[in-house]
Amino acid sequence: MNVVDTALHGVKIIEPRVFGDERGYFFESFNSKRFEEATGVAATFVQDNQSRSVKDVLRGLHYQIGRPQGKLVRVLQGEIHDVVVDLRTQSPTFGRWESYVLSAENKKQLWVPEGFAHGFLTLSSVAEVFYKTTDYWAPECERTIRWDDPDLGIDWGGGVFPQVSQKDSAGGGFASAEKF
């Protein structure tokens, strides 16, 4: 696997080694030992999540206070615009966001450490997103920052009018968000 450090401290793109021929392809999507050797992260994953979304559905920006989750995100079908926001007050990249295109075709995975808000916008007609987490979902700890918060100014792509859940629409702003 190839690991690419991003502009956000601790966030990494994981590019698996894919073996393909006329029959199709094979790749190892996760190996704990290789992941730790390549990233320097000793993550223990306790929960797998999968979602299916239609075009222009935006999910996020989500995070948990008290029970933060590291996430290893990949796309099984389709393509997404994935966004992470650094909420770690002592981080050199605090308050910054970055975005990445993840797709079934490029097979890239995104390692999102604890202390980040995470969300994505579906770019294809349908996208199935799979992610592993380092802690369990705890609804009482979950927080949401609005996807269109002007303090963050996230560029989701021109002319986007996403479908957003009621919960995500009610999210607060970055300035008042609980941070790490």
C-alpha atoms as a PDB file:
ATOM      1  CA  MET A   1       0.000   0.000   0.000  1.00  0.00           C
ATOM      2  CA  ASN A   2       1.019   3.579  -0.603  1.00  0.00           C
ATOM      3  CA  VAL A   3       0.326   6.151   2.124  1.00  0.00           C
ATOM      4  CA  VAL A   4       0.072   9.841   1.227  1.00  0.00           C
ATOM      5  CA  ASP A   5       0.209  12.482   3.946  1.00  0.00           C
ATOM      6  CA  THR A   6      -2.286  15.279   3.354  1.00  0.00           C
ATOM      7  CA  ALA A   7      -2.166  18.971   4.235  1.00  0.00           C
ATOM      8  CA  LEU A   8      -4.088  18.218   7.447  1.00  0.00           C
ATOM      9  CA  HIS A   9      -1.927  16.905  10.275  1.00  0.00           C
ATOM     10  CA  GLY A  10      -2.627  13.171  10.726  1.00  0.00           C
ATOM     11  CA  VAL A  11      -5.048  12.702   7.800  1.00  0.00           C
ATOM     12  CA  LYS A  12      -3.774  10.185   5.264  1.00  0.00           C
ATOM     13  CA  ILE A  13      -4.801   8.822   1.883  1.00  0.00           C
ATOM     14  CA  ILE A  14      -4.307   5.065   1.643  1.00  0.00           C
ATOM     15  CA  GLU A  15      -3.779   3.719  -1.864  1.00  0.00           C
ATOM     16  CA  PRO A  16      -4.017  -0.071  -1.857  1.00  0.00           C
ATOM     17  CA  ARG A  17      -2.006  -2.259  -4.175  1.00  0.00           C
ATOM     18  CA  VAL A  18      -4.506  -3.541  -6.744  1.00  0.00           C
ATOM     19  CA  PHE A  19      -3.935  -6.718  -8.755  1.00  0.00           C
ATOM     20  CA  GLY A  20      -6.050  -6.759 -11.891  1.00  0.00           C
ATOM     21  CA  ASP A  21      -6.389  -8.537 -15.182  1.00  0.00           C
ATOM     22  CA  GLU A  22      -9.110  -9.332 -17.712  1.00  0.00           C
ATOM     23  CA  ARG A  23     -11.029 -11.269 -15.025  1.00  0.00           C
ATOM     24  CA  GLY A  24     -11.316  -8.330 -12.644  1.00  0.00           C
ATOM     25  CA  TYR A  25      -9.226  -7.276  -9.664  1.00  0.00           C
ATOM     26  CA  PHE A  26      -8.200  -8.120  -6.111  1.00  0.00           C
ATOM     27  CA  PHE A  27      -6.836  -5.954  -3.336  1.00  0.00           C
ATOM     28  CA  GLU A  28      -6.398  -6.206   0.398  1.00  0.00           C
ATOM     29  CA  SER A  29      -8.647  -3.478   1.773  1.00  0.00           C
ATOM     30  CA  PHE A  30      -7.350  -3.703   5.337  1.00  0.00           C
ATOM     31  CA  ASN A  31      -4.547  -5.465   7.165  1.00  0.00           C
ATOM     32  CA  SER A  32      -3.944  -4.253  10.722  1.00  0.00           C
ATOM     33  CA  LYS A  33      -0.206  -4.974  10.719  1.00  0.00           C
ATOM     34  CA  ARG A  34       0.423  -3.341   7.327  1.00  0.00           C
ATOM     35  CA  PHE A  35      -1.792  -0.363   8.205  1.00  0.00           C
ATOM     36  CA  GLU A  36       0.216   0.314  11.366  1.00  0.00           C
ATOM     37  CA  GLU A  37       3.566  -0.163   9.614  1.00  0.00           C
ATOM     38  CA  ALA A  38       2.612   2.150   6.743  1.00  0.00           C
ATOM     39  CA  THR A  39       0.816   4.885   8.705  1.00  0.00           C
ATOM     40  CA  GLY A  40       2.331   4.708  12.182  1.00  0.00           C
ATOM     41  CA  VAL A  41      -1.246   4.454  13.515  1.00  0.00           C
ATOM     42  CA  ALA A  42      -2.129   1.596  15.853  1.00  0.00           C
ATOM     43  CA  ALA A  43      -5.892   1.733  15.321  1.00  0.00           C
ATOM     44  CA  THR A  44      -8.280  -0.786  16.784  1.00  0.00           C
ATOM     45  CA  PHE A  45     -11.517  -0.776  14.824  1.00  0.00           C
ATOM     46  CA  VAL A  46     -14.674  -1.756  16.695  1.00  0.00           C
ATOM     47  CA  GLN A  47     -17.506  -0.916  14.292  1.00  0.00           C
ATOM     48  CA  ASP A  48     -18.120  -1.012  10.530  1.00  0.00           C
ATOM     49  CA  ASN A  49     -20.675   1.321   8.946  1.00  0.00           C
ATOM     50  CA  GLN A  50     -22.083   1.446   5.446  1.00  0.00           C
ATOM     51  CA  SER A  51     -24.369   3.987   3.810  1.00  0.00           C
ATOM     52  CA  ARG A  52     -26.030   4.308   0.434  1.00  0.00           C
ATOM     53  CA  SER A  53     -26.837   7.761  -0.906  1.00  0.00           C
ATOM     54  CA  VAL A  54     -28.201   9.144  -4.149  1.00  0.00           C
ATOM     55  CA  LYS A  55     -26.659  12.036  -6.087  1.00  0.00           C
ATOM     56  CA  ASP A  56     -26.365  15.349  -4.226  1.00  0.00           C
ATOM     57  CA  VAL A  57     -27.015  13.847  -0.786  1.00  0.00           C
ATOM     58  CA  LEU A  58     -24.730  15.461   1.757  1.00  0.00           C
ATOM     59  CA  ARG A  59     -24.050  13.724   5.067  1.00  0.00           C
ATOM     60  CA  GLY A  60     -22.246  15.612   7.833  1.00  0.00           C
ATOM     61  CA  LEU A  61     -20.275  17.263   9.189  1.00  0.00           C
ATOM     62  CA  HIS A  62     -20.308  14.742  12.069  1.00  0.00           C
ATOM     63  CA  TYR A  63     -18.070  14.028  15.040  1.00  0.00           C
ATOM     64  CA  GLN A  64     -18.318  12.753  18.621  1.00  0.00           C
ATOM     65  CA  ILE A  65     -17.268  14.534  21.824  1.00  0.00           C
ATOM     66  CA  GLY A  66     -16.239  12.330  24.756  1.00  0.00           C
ATOM     67  CA  ARG A  67     -16.068   9.228  22.565  1.00  0.00           C
ATOM     68  CA  PRO A  68     -14.175  10.442  19.474  1.00  0.00           C
ATOM     69  CA  GLN A  69     -13.897   8.154  16.483  1.00  0.00           C
ATOM     70  CA  GLY A  70     -11.054   7.630  14.083  1.00  0.00           C
ATOM     71  CA  LYS A  71     -12.451   6.575  10.696  1.00  0.00           C
ATOM     72  CA  LEU A  72     -11.097   4.643   7.731  1.00  0.00           C
ATOM     73  CA  VAL A  73     -13.384   5.577   4.835  1.00  0.00           C
ATOM     74  CA  ARG A  74     -13.728   4.026   1.378  1.00  0.00           C
ATOM     75  CA  VAL A  75     -16.289   3.908  -1.417  1.00  0.00           C
ATOM     76  CA  LEU A  76     -17.688   0.590  -2.604  1.00  0.00           C
ATOM     77  CA  GLN A  77     -19.838   2.023  -5.409  1.00  0.00           C
ATOM     78  CA  GLY A  78     -19.855   5.448  -7.025  1.00  0.00           C
ATOM     79  CA  GLU A  79     -17.970   8.611  -6.088  1.00  0.00           C
ATOM     80  CA  ILE A  80     -17.999  11.119  -3.244  1.00  0.00           C
ATOM     81  CA  HIS A  81     -16.517  14.479  -2.336  1.00  0.00           C
ATOM     82  CA  ASP A  82     -15.204  13.736   1.168  1.00  0.00           C
ATOM     83  CA  VAL A  83     -14.478  16.593   3.595  1.00  0.00           C
ATOM     84  CA  VAL A  84     -12.696  16.662   6.954  1.00  0.00           C
ATOM     85  CA  VAL A  85     -12.313  19.590   9.369  1.00  0.00           C
ATOM     86  CA  ASP A  86      -9.622  19.694  12.051  1.00  0.00           C
ATOM     87  CA  LEU A  87     -11.241  20.416  15.442  1.00  0.00           C
ATOM     88  CA  ARG A  88      -8.103  19.808  17.540  1.00  0.00           C
ATOM     89  CA  THR A  89      -7.250  23.145  19.168  1.00  0.00           C
ATOM     90  CA  GLN A  90      -3.568  22.187  19.673  1.00  0.00           C
ATOM     91  CA  SER A  91      -3.123  21.013  16.070  1.00  0.00           C
ATOM     92  CA  PRO A  92      -1.063  23.062  13.597  1.00  0.00           C
ATOM     93  CA  THR A  93      -3.973  22.647  11.145  1.00  0.00           C
ATOM     94  CA  PHE A  94      -6.773  23.535  13.608  1.00  0.00           C
ATOM     95  CA  GLY A  95      -9.822  25.034  11.886  1.00  0.00           C
ATOM     96  CA  ARG A  96      -8.726  24.016   8.395  1.00  0.00           C
ATOM     97  CA  TRP A  97     -10.610  21.704   6.067  1.00  0.00           C
ATOM     98  CA  GLU A  98      -9.572  19.582   3.113  1.00  0.00           C
ATOM     99  CA  SER A  99     -11.524  17.585   0.576  1.00  0.00           C
ATOM    100  CA  TYR A 100     -10.754  14.446  -1.380  1.00  0.00           C
ATOM    101  CA  VAL A 101     -12.494  12.519  -4.137  1.00  0.00           C
ATOM    102  CA  LEU A 102     -12.972   8.907  -3.140  1.00  0.00           C
ATOM    103  CA  SER A 103     -14.488   6.431  -5.557  1.00  0.00           C
ATOM    104  CA  ALA A 104     -14.975   2.765  -6.249  1.00  0.00           C
ATOM    105  CA  GLU A 105     -12.770   3.307  -9.292  1.00  0.00           C
ATOM    106  CA  ASN A 106      -9.762   4.931  -7.580  1.00  0.00           C
ATOM    107  CA  LYS A 107     -10.083   2.628  -4.519  1.00  0.00           C
ATOM    108  CA  LYS A 108      -8.466   5.250  -2.279  1.00  0.00           C
ATOM    109  CA  GLN A 109      -9.204   5.172   1.421  1.00  0.00           C
ATOM    110  CA  LEU A 110      -9.113   8.101   3.812  1.00  0.00           C
ATOM    111  CA  TRP A 111      -7.777   7.814   7.354  1.00  0.00           C
ATOM    112  CA  VAL A 112      -9.501  10.439   9.519  1.00  0.00           C
ATOM    113  CA  PRO A 113      -8.005  10.581  13.028  1.00  0.00           C
ATOM    114  CA  GLU A 114      -9.983  11.338  16.168  1.00  0.00           C
ATOM    115  CA  GLY A 115     -10.687  15.046  16.539  1.00  0.00           C
ATOM    116  CA  PHE A 116     -12.023  15.732  13.045  1.00  0.00           C
ATOM    117  CA  ALA A 117     -15.505  16.470  11.748  1.00  0.00           C
ATOM    118  CA  HIS A 118     -16.328  14.419   8.656  1.00  0.00           C
ATOM    119  CA  GLY A 119     -18.882  14.612   5.874  1.00  0.00           C
ATOM    120  CA  PHE A 120     -19.368  13.822   2.218  1.00  0.00           C
ATOM    121  CA  LEU A 121     -21.378  14.773  -0.832  1.00  0.00           C
ATOM    122  CA  THR A 122     -22.450  12.103  -3.317  1.00  0.00           C
ATOM    123  CA  LEU A 123     -21.176  12.969  -6.817  1.00  0.00           C
ATOM    124  CA  SER A 124     -22.412   9.899  -8.712  1.00  0.00           C
ATOM    125  CA  SER A 125     -25.992   8.725  -9.228  1.00  0.00           C
ATOM    126  CA  VAL A 126     -25.525   6.404  -6.226  1.00  0.00           C
ATOM    127  CA  ALA A 127     -22.663   5.924  -3.768  1.00  0.00           C
ATOM    128  CA  GLU A 128     -22.096   3.244  -1.180  1.00  0.00           C
ATOM    129  CA  VAL A 129     -19.662   4.341   1.508  1.00  0.00           C
ATOM    130  CA  PHE A 130     -18.044   1.974   3.993  1.00  0.00           C
ATOM    131  CA  TYR A 131     -16.049   3.037   7.013  1.00  0.00           C
ATOM    132  CA  LYS A 132     -14.442   1.463  10.030  1.00  0.00           C
ATOM    133  CA  THR A 133     -14.475   3.341  13.360  1.00  0.00           C
ATOM    134  CA  THR A 134     -12.242   3.214  16.433  1.00  0.00           C
ATOM    135  CA  ASP A 135     -15.139   3.720  18.856  1.00  0.00           C
ATOM    136  CA  TYR A 136     -18.816   2.903  18.884  1.00  0.00           C
ATOM    137  CA  TRP A 137     -21.500   5.330  17.795  1.00  0.00           C
ATOM    138  CA  ALA A 138     -22.756   7.170  20.861  1.00  0.00           C
ATOM    139  CA  PRO A 139     -25.787   9.326  19.986  1.00  0.00           C
ATOM    140  CA  GLU A 140     -25.423  11.384  23.169  1.00  0.00           C
ATOM    141  CA  CYS A 141     -21.869  12.340  22.085  1.00  0.00           C
ATOM    142  CA  GLU A 142     -22.634  13.077  18.438  1.00  0.00           C
ATOM    143  CA  ARG A 143     -22.286  16.647  17.210  1.00  0.00           C
ATOM    144  CA  THR A 144     -22.926  18.258  13.822  1.00  0.00           C
ATOM    145  CA  ILE A 145     -21.448  21.335  12.196  1.00  0.00           C
ATOM    146  CA  ARG A 146     -23.465  22.830   9.339  1.00  0.00           C
ATOM    147  CA  TRP A 147     -22.103  21.895   5.937  1.00  0.00           C
ATOM    148  CA  ASP A 148     -22.491  25.500   4.741  1.00  0.00           C
ATOM    149  CA  ASP A 149     -20.972  27.257   7.764  1.00  0.00           C
ATOM    150  CA  PRO A 150     -19.571  30.588   6.491  1.00  0.00           C
ATOM    151  CA  ASP A 151     -16.644  30.496   8.953  1.00  0.00           C
ATOM    152  CA  LEU A 152     -15.382  27.316   7.299  1.00  0.00           C
ATOM    153  CA  GLY A 153     -16.276  28.258   3.717  1.00  0.00           C
ATOM    154  CA  ILE A 154     -16.092  24.690   2.446  1.00  0.00           C
ATOM    155  CA  ASP A 155     -16.126  24.433  -1.341  1.00  0.00           C
ATOM    156  CA  TRP A 156     -18.504  21.575  -2.105  1.00  0.00           C
ATOM    157  CA  GLY A 157     -18.425  22.358  -5.853  1.00  0.00           C
ATOM    158  CA  GLY A 158     -20.180  25.043  -7.828  1.00  0.00           C
ATOM    159  CA  GLY A 159     -23.954  25.157  -7.968  1.00  0.00           C
ATOM    160  CA  VAL A 160     -24.490  22.441  -5.372  1.00  0.00           C
ATOM    161  CA  PHE A 161     -27.910  22.328  -3.722  1.00  0.00           C
ATOM    162  CA  PRO A 162     -27.535  19.199  -1.612  1.00  0.00           C
ATOM    163  CA  GLN A 163     -30.170  17.066   0.013  1.00  0.00           C
ATOM    164  CA  VAL A 164     -29.454  17.290   3.738  1.00  0.00           C
ATOM    165  CA  SER A 165     -31.166  15.527   6.640  1.00  0.00           C
ATOM    166  CA  GLN A 166     -33.143  17.532   9.152  1.00  0.00           C
ATOM    167  CA  LYS A 167     -30.540  16.689  11.810  1.00  0.00           C
ATOM    168  CA  ASP A 168     -27.678  17.927   9.641  1.00  0.00           C
ATOM    169  CA  SER A 169     -29.586  21.103   8.694  1.00  0.00           C
ATOM    170  CA  ALA A 170     -29.937  21.885  12.409  1.00  0.00           C
ATOM    171  CA  GLY A 171     -26.180  21.635  13.023  1.00  0.00           C
ATOM    172  CA  GLY A 172     -24.366  24.528  14.642  1.00  0.00           C
ATOM    173  CA  GLY A 173     -21.540  26.714  13.390  1.00  0.00           C
ATOM    174  CA  PHE A 174     -17.818  26.074  13.706  1.00  0.00           C
ATOM    175  CA  ALA A 175     -17.329  29.026  16.067  1.00  0.00           C
ATOM    176  CA  SER A 176     -19.677  27.552  18.677  1.00  0.00           C
ATOM    177  CA  ALA A 177     -18.806  23.891  18.079  1.00  0.00           C
ATOM    178  CA  GLU A 178     -17.292  21.826  20.875  1.00  0.00           C
ATOM    179  CA  LYS A 179     -13.675  21.160  20.041  1.00  0.00           C
ATOM    180  CA  PHE A 180     -10.915  18.830  21.128  1.00  0.00           C
END
